[in-house]
Amino acid sequence: MKTYTTLGLFPLEATDTISIKGAEYDIYSIRIYNASGEMVKIFNHLLSNECISVNDLKEGEYLAHLNNSVHYRIIKFRKVMT
């Protein structure tokens, strides 16, 4: 599996939703981990540019593990309160 460097997650400081940008291929799964390393959310069978709700996450830093059958990337983002 290759690391996909042009794949991005926006915004990096999210209040309600995040979305995947720059994906040539659909993202098959996203796993979100909190700062303690616990998986707190999982999404399967997502399409490129699909919005993902993070509204229920607590404020803090998270790691999003994005992958499909070809590429893999870990992106850090922060959940902020409005």
C-alpha atoms as a PDB file:
ATOM      1  CA  MET A   1       0.000   0.000   0.000  1.00  0.00           C
ATOM      2  CA  LYS A   2       1.408   3.406  -0.986  1.00  0.00           C
ATOM      3  CA  THR A   3       1.307   6.596   1.058  1.00  0.00           C
ATOM      4  CA  TYR A   4      -0.815   9.103  -0.824  1.00  0.00           C
ATOM      5  CA  THR A   5       0.676  12.560  -0.237  1.00  0.00           C
ATOM      6  CA  THR A   6      -1.806  14.665  -2.242  1.00  0.00           C
ATOM      7  CA  LEU A   7      -4.731  13.375  -0.212  1.00  0.00           C
ATOM      8  CA  GLY A   8      -5.965  15.974   2.256  1.00  0.00           C
ATOM      9  CA  LEU A   9      -8.459  16.434   5.049  1.00  0.00           C
ATOM     10  CA  PHE A  10     -10.234  19.767   5.460  1.00  0.00           C
ATOM     11  CA  PRO A  11     -10.634  21.719   7.615  1.00  0.00           C
ATOM     12  CA  LEU A  12      -7.820  20.788   9.954  1.00  0.00           C
ATOM     13  CA  GLU A  13      -9.674  22.638  12.727  1.00  0.00           C
ATOM     14  CA  ALA A  14     -13.187  21.239  12.442  1.00  0.00           C
ATOM     15  CA  THR A  15     -16.375  22.136  14.268  1.00  0.00           C
ATOM     16  CA  ASP A  16     -19.023  19.914  12.658  1.00  0.00           C
ATOM     17  CA  THR A  17     -17.704  18.124   9.562  1.00  0.00           C
ATOM     18  CA  ILE A  18     -14.516  17.175   7.753  1.00  0.00           C
ATOM     19  CA  SER A  19     -14.097  16.172   4.125  1.00  0.00           C
ATOM     20  CA  ILE A  20     -11.501  14.428   2.005  1.00  0.00           C
ATOM     21  CA  LYS A  21      -9.921  16.404  -0.819  1.00  0.00           C
ATOM     22  CA  GLY A  22      -7.581  15.388  -3.613  1.00  0.00           C
ATOM     23  CA  ALA A  23      -8.567  11.734  -3.823  1.00  0.00           C
ATOM     24  CA  GLU A  24      -8.334  10.153  -7.267  1.00  0.00           C
ATOM     25  CA  TYR A  25     -10.011   7.057  -5.876  1.00  0.00           C
ATOM     26  CA  ASP A  26     -12.889   6.609  -3.492  1.00  0.00           C
ATOM     27  CA  ILE A  27     -11.828   6.220   0.135  1.00  0.00           C
ATOM     28  CA  TYR A  28     -12.884   2.849   1.445  1.00  0.00           C
ATOM     29  CA  SER A  29     -12.426   3.538   5.132  1.00  0.00           C
ATOM     30  CA  ILE A  30     -11.557   6.250   7.600  1.00  0.00           C
ATOM     31  CA  ARG A  31     -10.719   5.454  11.188  1.00  0.00           C
ATOM     32  CA  ILE A  32     -10.486   8.305  13.684  1.00  0.00           C
ATOM     33  CA  TYR A  33      -8.360   7.911  16.816  1.00  0.00           C
ATOM     34  CA  ASN A  34      -8.209  10.201  19.841  1.00  0.00           C
ATOM     35  CA  ALA A  35      -5.010  11.356  21.550  1.00  0.00           C
ATOM     36  CA  SER A  36      -5.042   8.215  23.745  1.00  0.00           C
ATOM     37  CA  GLY A  37      -4.954   5.979  20.676  1.00  0.00           C
ATOM     38  CA  GLU A  38      -8.538   4.771  21.014  1.00  0.00           C
ATOM     39  CA  MET A  39     -10.562   4.418  17.816  1.00  0.00           C
ATOM     40  CA  VAL A  40     -13.573   6.690  18.291  1.00  0.00           C
ATOM     41  CA  LYS A  41     -15.185   6.614  14.825  1.00  0.00           C
ATOM     42  CA  ILE A  42     -15.071   4.458  11.734  1.00  0.00           C
ATOM     43  CA  PHE A  43     -16.528   5.139   8.289  1.00  0.00           C
ATOM     44  CA  ASN A  44     -16.604   2.616   5.462  1.00  0.00           C
ATOM     45  CA  HIS A  45     -17.332   2.897   1.740  1.00  0.00           C
ATOM     46  CA  LEU A  46     -16.990   6.672   1.489  1.00  0.00           C
ATOM     47  CA  LEU A  47     -16.764   8.667  -1.726  1.00  0.00           C
ATOM     48  CA  SER A  48     -14.237  11.406  -2.472  1.00  0.00           C
ATOM     49  CA  ASN A  49     -15.371  14.829  -1.162  1.00  0.00           C
ATOM     50  CA  GLU A  50     -18.047  13.288   1.062  1.00  0.00           C
ATOM     51  CA  CYS A  51     -18.651  15.226   4.310  1.00  0.00           C
ATOM     52  CA  ILE A  52     -18.042  13.314   7.528  1.00  0.00           C
ATOM     53  CA  SER A  53     -19.693  14.372  10.768  1.00  0.00           C
ATOM     54  CA  VAL A  54     -17.380  14.967  13.726  1.00  0.00           C
ATOM     55  CA  ASN A  55     -20.008  16.911  15.651  1.00  0.00           C
ATOM     56  CA  ASP A  56     -20.144  14.312  18.433  1.00  0.00           C
ATOM     57  CA  LEU A  57     -16.383  14.282  19.100  1.00  0.00           C
ATOM     58  CA  LYS A  58     -14.999  16.040  22.150  1.00  0.00           C
ATOM     59  CA  GLU A  59     -12.697  19.007  21.678  1.00  0.00           C
ATOM     60  CA  GLY A  60      -9.106  17.892  21.083  1.00  0.00           C
ATOM     61  CA  GLU A  61      -6.631  16.407  18.620  1.00  0.00           C
ATOM     62  CA  TYR A  62      -7.365  13.348  16.489  1.00  0.00           C
ATOM     63  CA  LEU A  63      -5.664  11.201  13.873  1.00  0.00           C
ATOM     64  CA  ALA A  64      -7.622  10.205  10.787  1.00  0.00           C
ATOM     65  CA  HIS A  65      -6.365   7.028   9.088  1.00  0.00           C
ATOM     66  CA  LEU A  66      -7.541   7.115   5.461  1.00  0.00           C
ATOM     67  CA  ASN A  67      -7.153   4.179   3.139  1.00  0.00           C
ATOM     68  CA  ASN A  68      -8.423   2.431   0.058  1.00  0.00           C
ATOM     69  CA  SER A  69      -7.064  -0.553  -1.806  1.00  0.00           C
ATOM     70  CA  VAL A  70      -4.130   1.491  -3.196  1.00  0.00           C
ATOM     71  CA  HIS A  71      -3.221   4.308  -0.783  1.00  0.00           C
ATOM     72  CA  TYR A  72      -2.910   5.027   2.945  1.00  0.00           C
ATOM     73  CA  ARG A  73      -2.447   8.291   4.830  1.00  0.00           C
ATOM     74  CA  ILE A  74      -2.640   9.516   8.426  1.00  0.00           C
ATOM     75  CA  ILE A  75      -3.720  13.130   8.947  1.00  0.00           C
ATOM     76  CA  LYS A  76      -3.894  15.020  12.230  1.00  0.00           C
ATOM     77  CA  PHE A  77      -6.863  17.330  12.805  1.00  0.00           C
ATOM     78  CA  ARG A  78      -8.337  19.208  15.717  1.00  0.00           C
ATOM     79  CA  LYS A  79     -11.959  19.252  16.829  1.00  0.00           C
ATOM     80  CA  VAL A  80     -12.881  22.707  18.135  1.00  0.00           C
ATOM     81  CA  MET A  81     -16.062  23.908  19.739  1.00  0.00           C
ATOM     82  CA  THR A  82     -18.118  26.677  18.161  1.00  0.00           C
END
